[in-house]
Protein backbone atom coordinates (compact mmCIF):
# COMPACT_ATOMS: atom_id res chain seq x y z
CA UNK A 1 -3.44 -3.04 -5.03
CA UNK A 2 -4.34 -1.46 -1.69
CA UNK A 3 -5.09 1.96 -3.18
CA UNK A 4 -7.64 0.47 -5.60
CA UNK A 5 -9.73 -1.28 -2.96
CA UNK A 6 -13.22 0.09 -2.39
CA UNK A 7 -14.20 2.03 0.72
CA UNK A 8 -17.42 1.15 2.46
CA UNK A 9 -18.98 3.38 5.08
CA UNK A 10 -21.66 2.15 7.46
CA UNK A 11 -23.73 4.74 9.31
CA UNK A 12 -25.13 3.84 12.73
CA UNK A 13 -26.72 5.63 15.65
CA UNK A 14 -24.53 5.71 18.73
CA UNK A 15 -25.56 4.57 22.20
CA UNK A 16 -25.67 8.18 23.34
CA UNK A 17 -28.52 10.29 21.94
CA UNK A 18 -27.31 12.71 19.25
CA UNK A 19 -24.34 10.55 18.24
CA UNK A 20 -23.71 9.17 14.76
CA UNK A 21 -20.98 6.63 14.03
CA UNK A 22 -19.49 6.16 10.59
CA UNK A 23 -17.59 2.86 10.30
CA UNK A 24 -15.01 2.92 7.51
CA UNK A 25 -13.75 -0.26 5.87
CA UNK A 26 -11.06 0.09 3.21
CA UNK A 27 -8.53 2.74 2.22
CA UNK A 28 -9.35 6.44 2.38
CA UNK A 29 -7.80 7.64 -0.87
CA UNK A 30 -8.37 9.87 -3.88
CA UNK A 31 -10.40 7.09 -5.51
CA UNK A 32 -12.84 6.98 -2.61
CA UNK A 33 -12.87 10.51 -1.23
CA UNK A 34 -15.84 11.95 -3.13
CA UNK A 35 -18.17 9.16 -2.06
CA UNK A 36 -16.92 9.59 1.48
CA UNK A 37 -17.71 13.30 1.46
CA UNK A 38 -21.20 12.66 0.08
CA UNK A 39 -22.00 10.15 2.83
CA UNK A 40 -20.62 12.28 5.65
CA UNK A 41 -22.55 15.38 4.60
CA UNK A 42 -25.73 13.63 3.49
CA UNK A 43 -27.62 14.09 6.74
CA UNK A 44 -28.47 16.64 9.39
CA UNK A 45 -25.38 16.95 11.60
CA UNK A 46 -25.62 15.33 15.04
CA UNK A 47 -24.15 16.69 18.27
CA UNK A 48 -21.27 14.17 18.04
CA UNK A 49 -19.87 12.44 14.97
CA UNK A 50 -17.54 9.47 15.50
CA UNK A 51 -15.47 8.23 12.58
CA UNK A 52 -14.45 4.63 13.25
CA UNK A 53 -11.21 4.10 11.34
CA UNK A 54 -10.49 0.64 12.80
CA UNK A 55 -11.12 -0.84 9.33
CA UNK A 56 -8.90 1.65 7.45
CA UNK A 57 -5.57 0.08 6.48
CA UNK A 58 -4.29 3.07 4.52
CA UNK A 59 -4.99 6.77 4.00
CA UNK A 60 -3.38 9.12 1.50
CA UNK A 61 -3.01 12.89 1.66
CA UNK A 62 -6.23 13.40 -0.32
CA UNK A 63 -8.12 11.36 2.25
CA UNK A 64 -6.52 13.39 5.03
CA UNK A 65 -7.50 16.60 3.30
CA UNK A 66 -11.11 15.40 3.08
CA UNK A 67 -11.04 14.48 6.77
CA UNK A 68 -9.71 17.93 7.71
CA UNK A 69 -12.35 19.53 5.50
CA UNK A 70 -15.07 17.53 7.26
CA UNK A 71 -13.65 18.49 10.65
CA UNK A 72 -13.93 22.18 9.71
CA UNK A 73 -17.44 21.55 8.36
CA UNK A 74 -18.39 20.03 11.74
CA UNK A 75 -16.75 22.83 13.73
CA UNK A 76 -18.68 25.44 11.76
CA UNK A 77 -21.93 23.71 12.70
CA UNK A 78 -21.15 23.13 16.36
CA UNK A 79 -20.70 19.38 15.86
CA UNK A 80 -17.96 17.56 17.76
CA UNK A 81 -15.93 15.15 15.63
CA UNK A 82 -13.84 12.33 17.09
CA UNK A 83 -11.82 9.74 15.16
CA UNK A 84 -11.50 6.29 16.73
CA UNK A 85 -9.41 3.19 16.06
CA UNK A 86 -6.62 4.65 13.92
CA UNK A 87 -3.92 2.06 13.17
CA UNK A 88 -0.20 2.81 13.42
CA UNK A 89 0.27 3.32 9.67
CA UNK A 90 -2.52 5.90 9.42
CA UNK A 91 -1.45 7.46 12.73
CA UNK A 92 1.93 8.25 11.17
CA UNK A 93 0.17 10.39 8.56
CA UNK A 94 -1.80 12.14 11.33
CA UNK A 95 1.47 12.88 13.13
CA UNK A 96 3.44 13.97 10.05
CA UNK A 97 0.69 16.42 9.14
CA UNK A 98 0.20 17.36 12.82
CA UNK A 99 -3.51 16.59 12.52
CA UNK A 100 -3.25 14.56 15.75
CA UNK A 101 -2.93 17.89 17.57
CA UNK A 102 -6.18 19.22 16.07
CA UNK A 103 -8.69 16.39 15.60
CA UNK A 104 -9.49 14.39 18.75
CA UNK A 105 -8.29 10.78 18.46
CA UNK A 106 -9.28 7.90 20.73
CA UNK A 107 -8.57 4.18 20.73
CA UNK A 108 -12.16 2.90 20.47
CA UNK A 109 -15.69 3.94 19.57
CA UNK A 110 -16.70 3.16 23.14
CA UNK A 111 -14.14 5.66 24.43
CA UNK A 112 -15.45 8.28 21.97
CA UNK A 113 -19.02 7.70 23.14
CA UNK A 114 -17.85 8.12 26.72
CA UNK A 115 -16.77 11.66 25.82
CA UNK A 116 -20.31 12.61 24.73
């Protein structure tokens, strides 16, 4: 079942100094959200955090809540957060919850790095 699949998160330095990229592969759901939060907050915050969602097939409301929470966490620390590569299914959740009007969304990681 899609909701039971594991979520892997790869952390990489971006091409632009002070940029960290988190590449997500798998669903962002209740089952995976606590590990996600631990990985995102496990390091000193960079100037720009890019969340690459190109490998995320599905996200539930718990995952969205965790993403919003991390966005606020970043804002409180002066860190810019950009989400890249959101597919149409996940984008519908962003639109329904009107998160697309709050969190910056771009098509690719390269585009996000260009905004650094």
